[in-house]
N, C-alpha and C. Protein backbone atom coordinates (compact mmCIF):
# COMPACT_ATOMS: atom_id res chain seq x y z
N MET A 1 -38.47 -69.95 112.50
CA MET A 1 -37.77 -69.55 111.28
C MET A 1 -36.74 -70.60 110.91
N PRO A 2 -36.54 -70.85 109.62
CA PRO A 2 -35.49 -71.78 109.21
C PRO A 2 -34.12 -71.20 109.48
N LYS A 3 -33.15 -72.07 109.57
CA LYS A 3 -31.78 -71.59 109.78
C LYS A 3 -31.33 -70.81 108.56
N PRO A 4 -30.61 -69.70 108.76
CA PRO A 4 -30.20 -68.85 107.63
C PRO A 4 -29.45 -69.61 106.55
N ARG A 5 -28.53 -70.49 106.98
CA ARG A 5 -27.71 -71.19 105.99
C ARG A 5 -28.56 -72.11 105.12
N VAL A 6 -29.50 -72.82 105.77
CA VAL A 6 -30.37 -73.73 105.03
C VAL A 6 -31.26 -72.94 104.08
N ALA A 7 -31.84 -71.85 104.59
CA ALA A 7 -32.73 -71.04 103.77
C ALA A 7 -31.95 -70.44 102.60
N ARG A 8 -30.75 -69.96 102.89
CA ARG A 8 -29.96 -69.32 101.84
C ARG A 8 -29.60 -70.31 100.74
N SER A 9 -29.15 -71.51 101.14
CA SER A 9 -28.77 -72.50 100.14
C SER A 9 -29.98 -72.92 99.31
N ALA A 10 -31.15 -73.03 99.96
CA ALA A 10 -32.37 -73.40 99.23
C ALA A 10 -32.74 -72.30 98.24
N ILE A 11 -32.66 -71.05 98.68
CA ILE A 11 -32.98 -69.92 97.81
C ILE A 11 -32.01 -69.88 96.63
N VAL A 12 -30.73 -70.03 96.91
CA VAL A 12 -29.72 -69.99 95.84
C VAL A 12 -29.97 -71.12 94.85
N ARG A 13 -30.23 -72.32 95.38
CA ARG A 13 -30.43 -73.48 94.51
C ARG A 13 -31.66 -73.30 93.64
N PHE A 14 -32.70 -72.70 94.21
CA PHE A 14 -33.95 -72.53 93.47
C PHE A 14 -33.87 -71.36 92.49
N ALA A 15 -33.25 -70.27 92.92
CA ALA A 15 -33.34 -69.02 92.18
C ALA A 15 -32.20 -68.83 91.18
N LEU A 16 -31.10 -69.54 91.34
CA LEU A 16 -29.92 -69.27 90.53
C LEU A 16 -30.17 -69.41 89.03
N PRO A 17 -30.78 -70.52 88.56
CA PRO A 17 -31.00 -70.64 87.11
C PRO A 17 -31.86 -69.51 86.56
N LYS A 18 -32.94 -69.17 87.27
CA LYS A 18 -33.81 -68.09 86.82
C LYS A 18 -33.05 -66.77 86.82
N ASN A 19 -32.26 -66.54 87.87
CA ASN A 19 -31.51 -65.29 87.95
C ASN A 19 -30.48 -65.20 86.84
N GLN A 20 -29.85 -66.32 86.50
CA GLN A 20 -28.88 -66.32 85.41
C GLN A 20 -29.55 -65.90 84.10
N ALA A 21 -30.71 -66.49 83.82
CA ALA A 21 -31.43 -66.17 82.59
C ALA A 21 -31.88 -64.71 82.61
N LYS A 22 -32.39 -64.30 83.77
CA LYS A 22 -32.87 -62.92 83.91
C LYS A 22 -31.71 -61.94 83.74
N LEU A 23 -30.57 -62.29 84.32
CA LEU A 23 -29.39 -61.42 84.24
C LEU A 23 -28.92 -61.29 82.80
N ALA A 24 -28.86 -62.41 82.10
CA ALA A 24 -28.43 -62.39 80.70
C ALA A 24 -29.39 -61.57 79.85
N PHE A 25 -30.70 -61.75 80.10
CA PHE A 25 -31.71 -61.00 79.35
C PHE A 25 -31.58 -59.51 79.62
N SER A 26 -31.44 -59.16 80.91
CA SER A 26 -31.33 -57.75 81.29
C SER A 26 -30.06 -57.13 80.69
N TYR A 27 -28.97 -57.92 80.66
CA TYR A 27 -27.72 -57.43 80.11
C TYR A 27 -27.86 -57.15 78.61
N ALA A 28 -28.53 -58.07 77.90
CA ALA A 28 -28.76 -57.88 76.47
C ALA A 28 -29.61 -56.64 76.22
N ILE A 29 -30.67 -56.48 77.00
CA ILE A 29 -31.54 -55.30 76.86
C ILE A 29 -30.74 -54.03 77.13
N ALA A 30 -29.90 -54.06 78.17
CA ALA A 30 -29.10 -52.89 78.52
C ALA A 30 -28.15 -52.53 77.38
N LEU A 31 -27.53 -53.53 76.77
CA LEU A 31 -26.63 -53.27 75.64
C LEU A 31 -27.37 -52.65 74.47
N ILE A 32 -28.53 -53.23 74.15
CA ILE A 32 -29.32 -52.71 73.02
C ILE A 32 -29.77 -51.28 73.31
N TYR A 33 -30.24 -51.06 74.54
CA TYR A 33 -30.72 -49.73 74.92
C TYR A 33 -29.60 -48.71 74.86
N THR A 34 -28.43 -49.10 75.37
CA THR A 34 -27.27 -48.20 75.35
C THR A 34 -26.86 -47.88 73.92
N ALA A 35 -26.81 -48.91 73.08
CA ALA A 35 -26.47 -48.69 71.67
C ALA A 35 -27.47 -47.76 71.00
N TYR A 36 -28.75 -47.94 71.32
CA TYR A 36 -29.80 -47.08 70.76
C TYR A 36 -29.62 -45.64 71.22
N LYS A 37 -29.33 -45.47 72.51
CA LYS A 37 -29.14 -44.14 73.07
C LYS A 37 -27.93 -43.45 72.46
N LEU A 38 -26.92 -44.22 72.12
CA LEU A 38 -25.71 -43.65 71.52
C LEU A 38 -25.81 -43.57 70.00
N ASN A 39 -27.01 -43.89 69.48
CA ASN A 39 -27.26 -43.82 68.03
C ASN A 39 -26.34 -44.75 67.24
N ILE A 40 -26.00 -45.89 67.85
CA ILE A 40 -25.24 -46.89 67.11
C ILE A 40 -26.20 -47.68 66.23
N ILE A 41 -27.40 -47.96 66.77
CA ILE A 41 -28.44 -48.64 66.01
C ILE A 41 -29.40 -47.58 65.50
N TYR A 42 -29.60 -47.55 64.20
CA TYR A 42 -30.47 -46.53 63.62
C TYR A 42 -31.84 -47.11 63.31
């Protein structure tokens, strides 16, 4: 098995940009969905 620190840094380095985009997208969807549920958007 690879050392945890090396594996973790590699995972973070590889996954961070995708996770940032995914997080922003999910956040936008959550805001829209919440607004829809609260009947802010008709």
